Structures are given as structure tokens and as C-alpha cells.
Amino acid sequence: MKKSEIYFSIALDENQIPEAISWRATDAGEKIHFAKAINISLWDRDEAGTMKIDLWTKDMPVDEMKYFYIDTIGAMAQSVATATSDNVMAKKMRDLCEELMKHVEEERQKNNNG
């Protein structure tokens, strides 16, 4: 059986706030990649519930964080469609992404004009 591993490294400041997030995967070679945020959700087999890790660096701007979550919901919509064939649920998630994107864009325009 083939084994694949993903490694995350989080550099914290003196207040335990992430300053840098890096990762690498055995299937992607030895290159180290850097991120401003990670959102990991795991379905715990024993607890039958979701375990989550949400981290972001100090330099992650709020607007990028909003886009990050919209992109995450969009990716989840595709996963739902692929894994369950529930196209109704996937469409509702995509519709939510469109609604949130409009909200963020309107907010950005208001902030740029104000």
C-alpha cells in the first residue's frame, strides 16, 4: 500500500500568533510551500463529528480572508457534488458563494469610495 504524507509547519511569535505557515507533501516533492491561512476539517471516525484547524498569519488581510472562505465553500460545493452526487446541495453552496462575492465586492467598492 502506498503512503502519502502532508506536513505543516507553523512559526509562532512570542504571543503564540502565527507568523508563517509552510507545508509540503510527499507526493509533491520536497518543495516547501507558504500560505497565509489554512482551514483543515477532518471527520473523526470515533466521534462521528468534525474536527477543525483554522489558522492564519498576522499578515493575512481581512479581504483576502473573506475570499479564502468563499473559495473554500466553492471547493466544498464541488466535493459535495463529486462525493455524493447531491447537485441540489452543491448548487445551494455555489449560490451562497455568488451572494457572498457580491457582498464582498459591494463592501470593497464602498470602502474605496468612502
PDB file of N, CA and C in Angstrom:
ATOM      1  N   MET A   1       0.842  -1.181   0.000  1.00  0.00           N
ATOM      2  CA  MET A   1       0.000   0.000   0.000  1.00  0.00           C
ATOM      3  C   MET A   1       0.890   1.248   0.000  1.00  0.00           C
ATOM      4  N   LYS A   2       0.550   2.186  -0.865  1.00  0.00           N
ATOM      5  CA  LYS A   2       1.285   3.441  -0.951  1.00  0.00           C
ATOM      6  C   LYS A   2       0.866   4.354   0.203  1.00  0.00           C
ATOM      7  N   LYS A   3       1.813   5.097   0.718  1.00  0.00           N
ATOM      8  CA  LYS A   3       1.553   6.039   1.802  1.00  0.00           C
ATOM      9  C   LYS A   3       1.962   7.432   1.341  1.00  0.00           C
ATOM     10  N   SER A   4       1.099   8.412   1.610  1.00  0.00           N
ATOM     11  CA  SER A   4       1.372   9.804   1.272  1.00  0.00           C
ATOM     12  C   SER A   4       1.205  10.632   2.536  1.00  0.00           C
ATOM     13  N   GLU A   5       2.083  11.613   2.715  1.00  0.00           N
ATOM     14  CA  GLU A   5       2.027  12.436   3.915  1.00  0.00           C
ATOM     15  C   GLU A   5       2.066  13.916   3.566  1.00  0.00           C
ATOM     16  N   ILE A   6       1.398  14.717   4.398  1.00  0.00           N
ATOM     17  CA  ILE A   6       1.396  16.163   4.278  1.00  0.00           C
ATOM     18  C   ILE A   6       1.913  16.714   5.605  1.00  0.00           C
ATOM     19  N   TYR A   7       2.865  17.638   5.520  1.00  0.00           N
ATOM     20  CA  TYR A   7       3.467  18.234   6.709  1.00  0.00           C
ATOM     21  C   TYR A   7       3.157  19.720   6.746  1.00  0.00           C
ATOM     22  N   PHE A   8       2.764  20.213   7.909  1.00  0.00           N
ATOM     23  CA  PHE A   8       2.543  21.637   8.131  1.00  0.00           C
ATOM     24  C   PHE A   8       3.528  22.113   9.185  1.00  0.00           C
ATOM     25  N   SER A   9       4.044  23.319   8.999  1.00  0.00           N
ATOM     26  CA  SER A   9       4.918  23.934   9.984  1.00  0.00           C
ATOM     27  C   SER A   9       4.376  25.332  10.263  1.00  0.00           C
ATOM     28  N   ILE A  10       4.175  25.634  11.545  1.00  0.00           N
ATOM     29  CA  ILE A  10       3.618  26.924  11.943  1.00  0.00           C
ATOM     30  C   ILE A  10       4.646  27.632  12.821  1.00  0.00           C
ATOM     31  N   ALA A  11       5.101  28.801  12.390  1.00  0.00           N
ATOM     32  CA  ALA A  11       6.021  29.612  13.185  1.00  0.00           C
ATOM     33  C   ALA A  11       5.185  30.620  13.976  1.00  0.00           C
ATOM     34  N   LEU A  12       5.347  30.604  15.301  1.00  0.00           N
ATOM     35  CA  LEU A  12       4.564  31.468  16.184  1.00  0.00           C
ATOM     36  C   LEU A  12       5.423  32.585  16.761  1.00  0.00           C
ATOM     37  N   ASP A  13       4.797  33.746  17.004  1.00  0.00           N
ATOM     38  CA  ASP A  13       5.516  34.821  17.673  1.00  0.00           C
ATOM     39  C   ASP A  13       5.462  34.594  19.188  1.00  0.00           C
ATOM     40  N   GLU A  14       5.965  35.563  19.948  1.00  0.00           N
ATOM     41  CA  GLU A  14       6.013  35.414  21.405  1.00  0.00           C
ATOM     42  C   GLU A  14       4.633  35.340  22.045  1.00  0.00           C
ATOM     43  N   ASN A  15       3.581  35.774  21.310  1.00  0.00           N
ATOM     44  CA  ASN A  15       2.202  35.710  21.799  1.00  0.00           C
ATOM     45  C   ASN A  15       1.435  34.514  21.243  1.00  0.00           C
ATOM     46  N   GLN A  16       2.164  33.577  20.640  1.00  0.00           N
ATOM     47  CA  GLN A  16       1.576  32.361  20.069  1.00  0.00           C
ATOM     48  C   GLN A  16       0.670  32.637  18.868  1.00  0.00           C
ATOM     49  N   ILE A  17       0.923  33.740  18.166  1.00  0.00           N
ATOM     50  CA  ILE A  17       0.168  34.085  16.959  1.00  0.00           C
ATOM     51  C   ILE A  17       0.998  33.659  15.751  1.00  0.00           C
ATOM     52  N   PRO A  18       0.373  32.954  14.786  1.00  0.00           N
ATOM     53  CA  PRO A  18       1.133  32.502  13.618  1.00  0.00           C
ATOM     54  C   PRO A  18       1.755  33.653  12.825  1.00  0.00           C
ATOM     55  N   GLU A  19       3.058  33.524  12.577  1.00  0.00           N
ATOM     56  CA  GLU A  19       3.773  34.484  11.733  1.00  0.00           C
ATOM     57  C   GLU A  19       4.009  33.913  10.339  1.00  0.00           C
ATOM     58  N   ALA A  20       4.162  32.592  10.274  1.00  0.00           N
ATOM     59  CA  ALA A  20       4.416  31.936   8.985  1.00  0.00           C
ATOM     60  C   ALA A  20       3.810  30.540   9.017  1.00  0.00           C
ATOM     61  N   ILE A  21       3.253  30.156   7.880  1.00  0.00           N
ATOM     62  CA  ILE A  21       2.697  28.814   7.703  1.00  0.00           C
ATOM     63  C   ILE A  21       3.357  28.232   6.464  1.00  0.00           C
ATOM     64  N   SER A  22       3.952  27.066   6.603  1.00  0.00           N
ATOM     65  CA  SER A  22       4.534  26.392   5.440  1.00  0.00           C
ATOM     66  C   SER A  22       4.057  24.950   5.425  1.00  0.00           C
ATOM     67  N   TRP A  23       4.109  24.362   4.239  1.00  0.00           N
ATOM     68  CA  TRP A  23       3.687  22.973   4.101  1.00  0.00           C
ATOM     69  C   TRP A  23       4.420  22.303   2.957  1.00  0.00           C
ATOM     70  N   ARG A  24       4.454  21.010   3.014  1.00  0.00           N
ATOM     71  CA  ARG A  24       4.968  20.203   1.908  1.00  0.00           C
ATOM     72  C   ARG A  24       4.260  18.857   1.939  1.00  0.00           C
ATOM     73  N   ALA A  25       4.226  18.215   0.790  1.00  0.00           N
ATOM     74  CA  ALA A  25       3.567  16.912   0.658  1.00  0.00           C
ATOM     75  C   ALA A  25       4.524  15.945  -0.026  1.00  0.00           C
ATOM     76  N   THR A  26       4.530  14.717   0.435  1.00  0.00           N
ATOM     77  CA  THR A  26       5.463  13.741  -0.137  1.00  0.00           C
ATOM     78  C   THR A  26       5.188  13.499  -1.616  1.00  0.00           C
ATOM     79  N   ASP A  27       3.934  13.606  -2.038  1.00  0.00           N
ATOM     80  CA  ASP A  27       3.606  13.398  -3.453  1.00  0.00           C
ATOM     81  C   ASP A  27       3.940  14.602  -4.327  1.00  0.00           C
ATOM     82  N   ALA A  28       4.299  15.725  -3.706  1.00  0.00           N
ATOM     83  CA  ALA A  28       4.599  16.941  -4.464  1.00  0.00           C
ATOM     84  C   ALA A  28       6.084  17.272  -4.434  1.00  0.00           C
ATOM     85  N   GLY A  29       6.916  16.309  -4.071  1.00  0.00           N
ATOM     86  CA  GLY A  29       8.350  16.558  -3.997  1.00  0.00           C
ATOM     87  C   GLY A  29       8.737  17.199  -2.676  1.00  0.00           C
ATOM     88  N   GLU A  30       9.940  17.714  -2.632  1.00  0.00           N
ATOM     89  CA  GLU A  30      10.455  18.284  -1.382  1.00  0.00           C
ATOM     90  C   GLU A  30      10.268  19.793  -1.273  1.00  0.00           C
ATOM     91  N   LYS A  31       9.655  20.409  -2.288  1.00  0.00           N
ATOM     92  CA  LYS A  31       9.474  21.856  -2.268  1.00  0.00           C
ATOM     93  C   LYS A  31       8.593  22.274  -1.102  1.00  0.00           C
ATOM     94  N   ILE A  32       9.003  23.323  -0.409  1.00  0.00           N
ATOM     95  CA  ILE A  32       8.218  23.883   0.691  1.00  0.00           C
ATOM     96  C   ILE A  32       7.363  25.017   0.136  1.00  0.00           C
ATOM     97  N   HIS A  33       6.081  24.987   0.455  1.00  0.00           N
ATOM     98  CA  HIS A  33       5.126  26.000   0.020  1.00  0.00           C
ATOM     99  C   HIS A  33       4.736  26.849   1.222  1.00  0.00           C
ATOM    100  N   PHE A  34       4.387  28.103   0.971  1.00  0.00           N
ATOM    101  CA  PHE A  34       3.999  29.002   2.054  1.00  0.00           C
ATOM    102  C   PHE A  34       2.551  29.433   1.880  1.00  0.00           C
ATOM    103  N   ALA A  35       1.868  29.649   2.994  1.00  0.00           N
ATOM    104  CA  ALA A  35       0.458  30.035   2.984  1.00  0.00           C
ATOM    105  C   ALA A  35       0.227  31.123   4.021  1.00  0.00           C
ATOM    106  N   LYS A  36      -0.826  31.909   3.801  1.00  0.00           N
ATOM    107  CA  LYS A  36      -1.228  32.899   4.798  1.00  0.00           C
ATOM    108  C   LYS A  36      -2.302  32.343   5.718  1.00  0.00           C
ATOM    109  N   ALA A  37      -2.996  31.279   5.269  1.00  0.00           N
ATOM    110  CA  ALA A  37      -4.067  30.702   6.081  1.00  0.00           C
ATOM    111  C   ALA A  37      -4.247  29.234   5.720  1.00  0.00           C
ATOM    112  N   ILE A  38      -4.727  28.467   6.707  1.00  0.00           N
ATOM    113  CA  ILE A  38      -5.126  27.079   6.455  1.00  0.00           C
ATOM    114  C   ILE A  38      -6.443  26.826   7.172  1.00  0.00           C
ATOM    115  N   ASN A  39      -7.222  25.959   6.567  1.00  0.00           N
ATOM    116  CA  ASN A  39      -8.501  25.548   7.124  1.00  0.00           C
ATOM    117  C   ASN A  39      -8.585  24.054   6.874  1.00  0.00           C
ATOM    118  N   ILE A  40      -8.448  23.272   7.914  1.00  0.00           N
ATOM    119  CA  ILE A  40      -8.457  21.818   7.776  1.00  0.00           C
ATOM    120  C   ILE A  40      -9.652  21.262   8.534  1.00  0.00           C
ATOM    121  N   SER A  41     -10.444  20.464   7.871  1.00  0.00           N
ATOM    122  CA  SER A  41     -11.572  19.800   8.505  1.00  0.00           C
ATOM    123  C   SER A  41     -11.395  18.300   8.338  1.00  0.00           C
ATOM    124  N   LEU A  42     -11.563  17.587   9.427  1.00  0.00           N
ATOM    125  CA  LEU A  42     -11.448  16.130   9.433  1.00  0.00           C
ATOM    126  C   LEU A  42     -12.709  15.528  10.033  1.00  0.00           C
ATOM    127  N   TRP A  43     -13.201  14.470   9.433  1.00  0.00           N
ATOM    128  CA  TRP A  43     -14.328  13.756  10.020  1.00  0.00           C
ATOM    129  C   TRP A  43     -13.744  12.688  10.935  1.00  0.00           C
ATOM    130  N   ASP A  44     -13.921  12.881  12.235  1.00  0.00           N
ATOM    131  CA  ASP A  44     -13.369  11.968  13.222  1.00  0.00           C
ATOM    132  C   ASP A  44     -14.184  10.669  13.237  1.00  0.00           C
ATOM    133  N   ARG A  45     -13.513   9.584  12.974  1.00  0.00           N
ATOM    134  CA  ARG A  45     -14.161   8.280  12.877  1.00  0.00           C
ATOM    135  C   ARG A  45     -14.833   7.879  14.188  1.00  0.00           C
ATOM    136  N   ASP A  46     -14.153   8.085  15.298  1.00  0.00           N
ATOM    137  CA  ASP A  46     -14.684   7.654  16.591  1.00  0.00           C
ATOM    138  C   ASP A  46     -15.768   8.583  17.130  1.00  0.00           C
ATOM    139  N   GLU A  47     -15.582   9.875  16.952  1.00  0.00           N
ATOM    140  CA  GLU A  47     -16.541  10.848  17.474  1.00  0.00           C
ATOM    141  C   GLU A  47     -17.699  11.109  16.507  1.00  0.00           C
ATOM    142  N   ALA A  48     -17.569  10.656  15.267  1.00  0.00           N
ATOM    143  CA  ALA A  48     -18.562  10.922  14.224  1.00  0.00           C
ATOM    144  C   ALA A  48     -18.890  12.417  14.162  1.00  0.00           C
ATOM    145  N   GLY A  49     -17.845  13.217  14.145  1.00  0.00           N
ATOM    146  CA  GLY A  49     -18.007  14.661  14.080  1.00  0.00           C
ATOM    147  C   GLY A  49     -16.788  15.299  13.443  1.00  0.00           C
ATOM    148  N   THR A  50     -16.914  16.581  13.179  1.00  0.00           N
ATOM    149  CA  THR A  50     -15.844  17.318  12.505  1.00  0.00           C
ATOM    150  C   THR A  50     -14.852  17.890  13.506  1.00  0.00           C
ATOM    151  N   MET A  51     -13.592  17.677  13.213  1.00  0.00           N
ATOM    152  CA  MET A  51     -12.506  18.308  13.946  1.00  0.00           C
ATOM    153  C   MET A  51     -11.907  19.349  12.996  1.00  0.00           C
ATOM    154  N   LYS A  52     -11.633  20.560  13.500  1.00  0.00           N
ATOM    155  CA  LYS A  52     -11.178  21.639  12.632  1.00  0.00           C
ATOM    156  C   LYS A  52      -9.909  22.295  13.147  1.00  0.00           C
ATOM    157  N   ILE A  53      -9.121  22.752  12.203  1.00  0.00           N
ATOM    158  CA  ILE A  53      -7.962  23.596  12.493  1.00  0.00           C
ATOM    159  C   ILE A  53      -8.063  24.801  11.566  1.00  0.00           C
ATOM    160  N   ASP A  54      -8.160  25.978  12.140  1.00  0.00           N
ATOM    161  CA  ASP A  54      -8.190  27.232  11.390  1.00  0.00           C
ATOM    162  C   ASP A  54      -7.048  28.101  11.899  1.00  0.00           C
ATOM    163  N   LEU A  55      -6.125  28.419  11.021  1.00  0.00           N
ATOM    164  CA  LEU A  55      -5.001  29.280  11.382  1.00  0.00           C
ATOM    165  C   LEU A  55      -4.765  30.283  10.257  1.00  0.00           C
ATOM    166  N   TRP A  56      -4.345  31.481  10.639  1.00  0.00           N
ATOM    167  CA  TRP A  56      -3.958  32.475   9.646  1.00  0.00           C
ATOM    168  C   TRP A  56      -2.847  33.333  10.243  1.00  0.00           C
ATOM    169  N   THR A  57      -2.024  33.846   9.348  1.00  0.00           N
ATOM    170  CA  THR A  57      -0.889  34.652   9.781  1.00  0.00           C
ATOM    171  C   THR A  57      -1.328  36.094  10.036  1.00  0.00           C
ATOM    172  N   LYS A  58      -0.472  36.807  10.757  1.00  0.00           N
ATOM    173  CA  LYS A  58      -0.746  38.208  11.081  1.00  0.00           C
ATOM    174  C   LYS A  58      -0.899  39.071   9.838  1.00  0.00           C
ATOM    175  N   ASP A  59      -0.227  38.665   8.745  1.00  0.00           N
ATOM    176  CA  ASP A  59      -0.256  39.489   7.537  1.00  0.00           C
ATOM    177  C   ASP A  59      -1.379  39.098   6.570  1.00  0.00           C
ATOM    178  N   MET A  60      -2.337  38.284   7.026  1.00  0.00           N
ATOM    179  CA  MET A  60      -3.479  37.910   6.184  1.00  0.00           C
ATOM    180  C   MET A  60      -4.519  39.032   6.260  1.00  0.00           C
ATOM    181  N   PRO A  61      -4.696  39.803   5.175  1.00  0.00           N
ATOM    182  CA  PRO A  61      -5.677  40.885   5.188  1.00  0.00           C
ATOM    183  C   PRO A  61      -7.106  40.344   5.292  1.00  0.00           C
ATOM    184  N   VAL A  62      -7.980  41.125   5.897  1.00  0.00           N
ATOM    185  CA  VAL A  62      -9.365  40.714   6.098  1.00  0.00           C
ATOM    186  C   VAL A  62     -10.052  40.407   4.766  1.00  0.00           C
ATOM    187  N   ASP A  63      -9.824  41.242   3.741  1.00  0.00           N
ATOM    188  CA  ASP A  63     -10.485  40.988   2.456  1.00  0.00           C
ATOM    189  C   ASP A  63     -10.020  39.673   1.842  1.00  0.00           C
ATOM    190  N   GLU A  64      -8.728  39.353   1.966  1.00  0.00           N
ATOM    191  CA  GLU A  64      -8.243  38.067   1.459  1.00  0.00           C
ATOM    192  C   GLU A  64      -8.847  36.910   2.258  1.00  0.00           C
ATOM    193  N   MET A  65      -9.057  37.096   3.556  1.00  0.00           N
ATOM    194  CA  MET A  65      -9.666  36.058   4.384  1.00  0.00           C
ATOM    195  C   MET A  65     -11.085  35.759   3.895  1.00  0.00           C
ATOM    196  N   LYS A  66     -11.813  36.814   3.541  1.00  0.00           N
ATOM    197  CA  LYS A  66     -13.178  36.614   3.037  1.00  0.00           C
ATOM    198  C   LYS A  66     -13.158  35.835   1.727  1.00  0.00           C
ATOM    199  N   TYR A  67     -12.248  36.190   0.809  1.00  0.00           N
ATOM    200  CA  TYR A  67     -12.133  35.458  -0.448  1.00  0.00           C
ATOM    201  C   TYR A  67     -11.713  34.006  -0.192  1.00  0.00           C
ATOM    202  N   PHE A  68     -10.840  33.808   0.763  1.00  0.00           N
ATOM    203  CA  PHE A  68     -10.396  32.467   1.136  1.00  0.00           C
ATOM    204  C   PHE A  68     -11.583  31.592   1.540  1.00  0.00           C
ATOM    205  N   TYR A  69     -12.472  32.136   2.361  1.00  0.00           N
ATOM    206  CA  TYR A  69     -13.624  31.355   2.800  1.00  0.00           C
ATOM    207  C   TYR A  69     -14.631  31.143   1.672  1.00  0.00           C
ATOM    208  N   ILE A  70     -14.805  32.136   0.808  1.00  0.00           N
ATOM    209  CA  ILE A  70     -15.692  31.943  -0.346  1.00  0.00           C
ATOM    210  C   ILE A  70     -15.129  30.841  -1.243  1.00  0.00           C
ATOM    211  N   ASP A  71     -13.831  30.879  -1.516  1.00  0.00           N
ATOM    212  CA  ASP A  71     -13.200  29.833  -2.327  1.00  0.00           C
ATOM    213  C   ASP A  71     -13.337  28.464  -1.664  1.00  0.00           C
ATOM    214  N   THR A  72     -13.214  28.429  -0.345  1.00  0.00           N
ATOM    215  CA  THR A  72     -13.327  27.168   0.379  1.00  0.00           C
ATOM    216  C   THR A  72     -14.729  26.586   0.244  1.00  0.00           C
ATOM    217  N   ILE A  73     -15.748  27.430   0.375  1.00  0.00           N
ATOM    218  CA  ILE A  73     -17.124  26.955   0.214  1.00  0.00           C
ATOM    219  C   ILE A  73     -17.342  26.457  -1.213  1.00  0.00           C
ATOM    220  N   GLY A  74     -16.783  27.174  -2.201  1.00  0.00           N
ATOM    221  CA  GLY A  74     -16.902  26.739  -3.599  1.00  0.00           C
ATOM    222  C   GLY A  74     -16.249  25.385  -3.833  1.00  0.00           C
ATOM    223  N   ALA A  75     -15.078  25.184  -3.247  1.00  0.00           N
ATOM    224  CA  ALA A  75     -14.401  23.893  -3.380  1.00  0.00           C
ATOM    225  C   ALA A  75     -15.203  22.793  -2.684  1.00  0.00           C
ATOM    226  N   MET A  76     -15.807  23.131  -1.564  1.00  0.00           N
ATOM    227  CA  MET A  76     -16.645  22.157  -0.854  1.00  0.00           C
ATOM    228  C   MET A  76     -17.869  21.795  -1.691  1.00  0.00           C
ATOM    229  N   ALA A  77     -18.413  22.774  -2.400  1.00  0.00           N
ATOM    230  CA  ALA A  77     -19.563  22.507  -3.270  1.00  0.00           C
ATOM    231  C   ALA A  77     -19.194  21.472  -4.332  1.00  0.00           C
ATOM    232  N   GLN A  78     -18.014  21.625  -4.924  1.00  0.00           N
ATOM    233  CA  GLN A  78     -17.564  20.646  -5.924  1.00  0.00           C
ATOM    234  C   GLN A  78     -17.354  19.282  -5.284  1.00  0.00           C
ATOM    235  N   SER A  79     -16.800  19.255  -4.083  1.00  0.00           N
ATOM    236  CA  SER A  79     -16.587  17.985  -3.383  1.00  0.00           C
ATOM    237  C   SER A  79     -17.912  17.299  -3.071  1.00  0.00           C
ATOM    238  N   VAL A  80     -18.902  18.078  -2.640  1.00  0.00           N
ATOM    239  CA  VAL A  80     -20.225  17.508  -2.349  1.00  0.00           C
ATOM    240  C   VAL A  80     -20.810  16.885  -3.618  1.00  0.00           C
ATOM    241  N   ALA A  81     -20.709  17.600  -4.733  1.00  0.00           N
ATOM    242  CA  ALA A  81     -21.241  17.080  -5.992  1.00  0.00           C
ATOM    243  C   ALA A  81     -20.525  15.790  -6.394  1.00  0.00           C
ATOM    244  N   THR A  82     -19.202  15.783  -6.268  1.00  0.00           N
ATOM    245  CA  THR A  82     -18.414  14.614  -6.660  1.00  0.00           C
ATOM    246  C   THR A  82     -18.638  13.434  -5.721  1.00  0.00           C
ATOM    247  N   ALA A  83     -18.627  13.695  -4.421  1.00  0.00           N
ATOM    248  CA  ALA A  83     -18.683  12.610  -3.429  1.00  0.00           C
ATOM    249  C   ALA A  83     -20.088  12.055  -3.213  1.00  0.00           C
ATOM    250  N   THR A  84     -21.114  12.908  -3.356  1.00  0.00           N
ATOM    251  CA  THR A  84     -22.464  12.465  -3.005  1.00  0.00           C
ATOM    252  C   THR A  84     -23.456  12.519  -4.162  1.00  0.00           C
ATOM    253  N   SER A  85     -23.077  13.174  -5.250  1.00  0.00           N
ATOM    254  CA  SER A  85     -23.977  13.419  -6.386  1.00  0.00           C
ATOM    255  C   SER A  85     -25.199  14.249  -5.990  1.00  0.00           C
ATOM    256  N   ASP A  86     -25.117  14.952  -4.866  1.00  0.00           N
ATOM    257  CA  ASP A  86     -26.209  15.817  -4.426  1.00  0.00           C
ATOM    258  C   ASP A  86     -26.018  17.186  -5.079  1.00  0.00           C
ATOM    259  N   ASN A  87     -26.543  17.309  -6.288  1.00  0.00           N
ATOM    260  CA  ASN A  87     -26.371  18.550  -7.045  1.00  0.00           C
ATOM    261  C   ASN A  87     -27.187  19.705  -6.490  1.00  0.00           C
ATOM    262  N   VAL A  88     -28.269  19.405  -5.770  1.00  0.00           N
ATOM    263  CA  VAL A  88     -29.072  20.461  -5.147  1.00  0.00           C
ATOM    264  C   VAL A  88     -28.241  21.145  -4.057  1.00  0.00           C
ATOM    265  N   MET A  89     -27.620  20.348  -3.199  1.00  0.00           N
ATOM    266  CA  MET A  89     -26.793  20.907  -2.135  1.00  0.00           C
ATOM    267  C   MET A  89     -25.619  21.687  -2.722  1.00  0.00           C
ATOM    268  N   ALA A  90     -24.978  21.124  -3.744  1.00  0.00           N
ATOM    269  CA  ALA A  90     -23.841  21.792  -4.384  1.00  0.00           C
ATOM    270  C   ALA A  90     -24.274  23.126  -4.988  1.00  0.00           C
ATOM    271  N   LYS A  91     -25.426  23.147  -5.643  1.00  0.00           N
ATOM    272  CA  LYS A  91     -25.912  24.401  -6.240  1.00  0.00           C
ATOM    273  C   LYS A  91     -26.200  25.447  -5.176  1.00  0.00           C
ATOM    274  N   LYS A  92     -26.797  25.037  -4.059  1.00  0.00           N
ATOM    275  CA  LYS A  92     -27.087  25.992  -2.983  1.00  0.00           C
ATOM    276  C   LYS A  92     -25.790  26.576  -2.420  1.00  0.00           C
ATOM    277  N   MET A  93     -24.761  25.762  -2.333  1.00  0.00           N
ATOM    278  CA  MET A  93     -23.472  26.246  -1.852  1.00  0.00           C
ATOM    279  C   MET A  93     -22.860  27.219  -2.858  1.00  0.00           C
ATOM    280  N   ARG A  94     -22.959  26.892  -4.152  1.00  0.00           N
ATOM    281  CA  ARG A  94     -22.439  27.805  -5.183  1.00  0.00           C
ATOM    282  C   ARG A  94     -23.206  29.116  -5.200  1.00  0.00           C
ATOM    283  N   ASP A  95     -24.539  29.014  -5.019  1.00  0.00           N
ATOM    284  CA  ASP A  95     -25.353  30.231  -4.962  1.00  0.00           C
ATOM    285  C   ASP A  95     -24.932  31.105  -3.787  1.00  0.00           C
ATOM    286  N   LEU A  96     -24.644  30.477  -2.654  1.00  0.00           N
ATOM    287  CA  LEU A  96     -24.163  31.219  -1.492  1.00  0.00           C
ATOM    288  C   LEU A  96     -22.845  31.917  -1.821  1.00  0.00           C
ATOM    289  N   CYS A  97     -21.964  31.224  -2.532  1.00  0.00           N
ATOM    290  CA  CYS A  97     -20.685  31.842  -2.929  1.00  0.00           C
ATOM    291  C   CYS A  97     -20.919  33.084  -3.780  1.00  0.00           C
ATOM    292  N   GLU A  98     -21.848  32.999  -4.725  1.00  0.00           N
ATOM    293  CA  GLU A  98     -22.155  34.159  -5.568  1.00  0.00           C
ATOM    294  C   GLU A  98     -22.689  35.315  -4.730  1.00  0.00           C
ATOM    295  N   GLU A  99     -23.577  35.002  -3.782  1.00  0.00           N
ATOM    296  CA  GLU A  99     -24.144  36.028  -2.916  1.00  0.00           C
ATOM    297  C   GLU A  99     -23.058  36.669  -2.044  1.00  0.00           C
ATOM    298  N   LEU A 100     -22.182  35.845  -1.500  1.00  0.00           N
ATOM    299  CA  LEU A 100     -21.098  36.368  -0.664  1.00  0.00           C
ATOM    300  C   LEU A 100     -20.107  37.190  -1.481  1.00  0.00           C
ATOM    301  N   MET A 101     -19.851  36.767  -2.705  1.00  0.00           N
ATOM    302  CA  MET A 101     -18.934  37.506  -3.570  1.00  0.00           C
ATOM    303  C   MET A 101     -19.507  38.895  -3.875  1.00  0.00           C
ATOM    304  N   LYS A 102     -20.796  38.973  -4.149  1.00  0.00           N
ATOM    305  CA  LYS A 102     -21.429  40.277  -4.380  1.00  0.00           C
ATOM    306  C   LYS A 102     -21.289  41.157  -3.139  1.00  0.00           C
ATOM    307  N   HIS A 103     -21.527  40.569  -1.980  1.00  0.00           N
ATOM    308  CA  HIS A 103     -21.403  41.310  -0.717  1.00  0.00           C
ATOM    309  C   HIS A 103     -19.993  41.863  -0.544  1.00  0.00           C
ATOM    310  N   VAL A 104     -18.984  41.035  -0.763  1.00  0.00           N
ATOM    311  CA  VAL A 104     -17.598  41.455  -0.575  1.00  0.00           C
ATOM    312  C   VAL A 104     -17.223  42.531  -1.588  1.00  0.00           C
ATOM    313  N   GLU A 105     -17.668  42.372  -2.827  1.00  0.00           N
ATOM    314  CA  GLU A 105     -17.368  43.369  -3.855  1.00  0.00           C
ATOM    315  C   GLU A 105     -18.052  44.702  -3.543  1.00  0.00           C
ATOM    316  N   GLU A 106     -19.308  44.658  -3.090  1.00  0.00           N
ATOM    317  CA  GLU A 106     -20.012  45.888  -2.718  1.00  0.00           C
ATOM    318  C   GLU A 106     -19.310  46.561  -1.541  1.00  0.00           C
ATOM    319  N   GLU A 107     -18.878  45.759  -0.581  1.00  0.00           N
ATOM    320  CA  GLU A 107     -18.158  46.280   0.580  1.00  0.00           C
ATOM    321  C   GLU A 107     -16.844  46.937   0.154  1.00  0.00           C
ATOM    322  N   ARG A 108     -16.150  46.305  -0.770  1.00  0.00           N
ATOM    323  CA  ARG A 108     -14.880  46.858  -1.248  1.00  0.00           C
ATOM    324  C   ARG A 108     -15.111  48.183  -1.970  1.00  0.00           C
ATOM    325  N   GLN A 109     -16.148  48.244  -2.826  1.00  0.00           N
ATOM    326  CA  GLN A 109     -16.454  49.485  -3.539  1.00  0.00           C
ATOM    327  C   GLN A 109     -16.814  50.599  -2.579  1.00  0.00           C
ATOM    328  N   LYS A 110     -17.594  50.266  -1.542  1.00  0.00           N
ATOM    329  CA  LYS A 110     -17.983  51.257  -0.558  1.00  0.00           C
ATOM    330  C   LYS A 110     -16.760  51.789   0.183  1.00  0.00           C
ATOM    331  N   ASN A 111     -15.847  50.909   0.531  1.00  0.00           N
ATOM    332  CA  ASN A 111     -14.631  51.317   1.241  1.00  0.00           C
ATOM    333  C   ASN A 111     -13.695  52.134   0.348  1.00  0.00           C
ATOM    334  N   ASN A 112     -13.665  51.820  -0.945  1.00  0.00           N
ATOM    335  CA  ASN A 112     -12.816  52.567  -1.872  1.00  0.00           C
ATOM    336  C   ASN A 112     -13.385  53.958  -2.171  1.00  0.00           C
ATOM    337  N   ASN A 113     -14.711  54.076  -2.100  1.00  0.00           N
ATOM    338  CA  ASN A 113     -15.349  55.367  -2.379  1.00  0.00           C
ATOM    339  C   ASN A 113     -15.502  56.221  -1.136  1.00  0.00           C
ATOM    340  N   GLY A 114     -15.358  55.593   0.039  1.00  0.00           N
ATOM    341  CA  GLY A 114     -15.619  56.347   1.268  1.00  0.00           C
ATOM    342  C   GLY A 114     -14.438  56.830   1.894  1.00  0.00           C
TER     343      GLY A 114
END
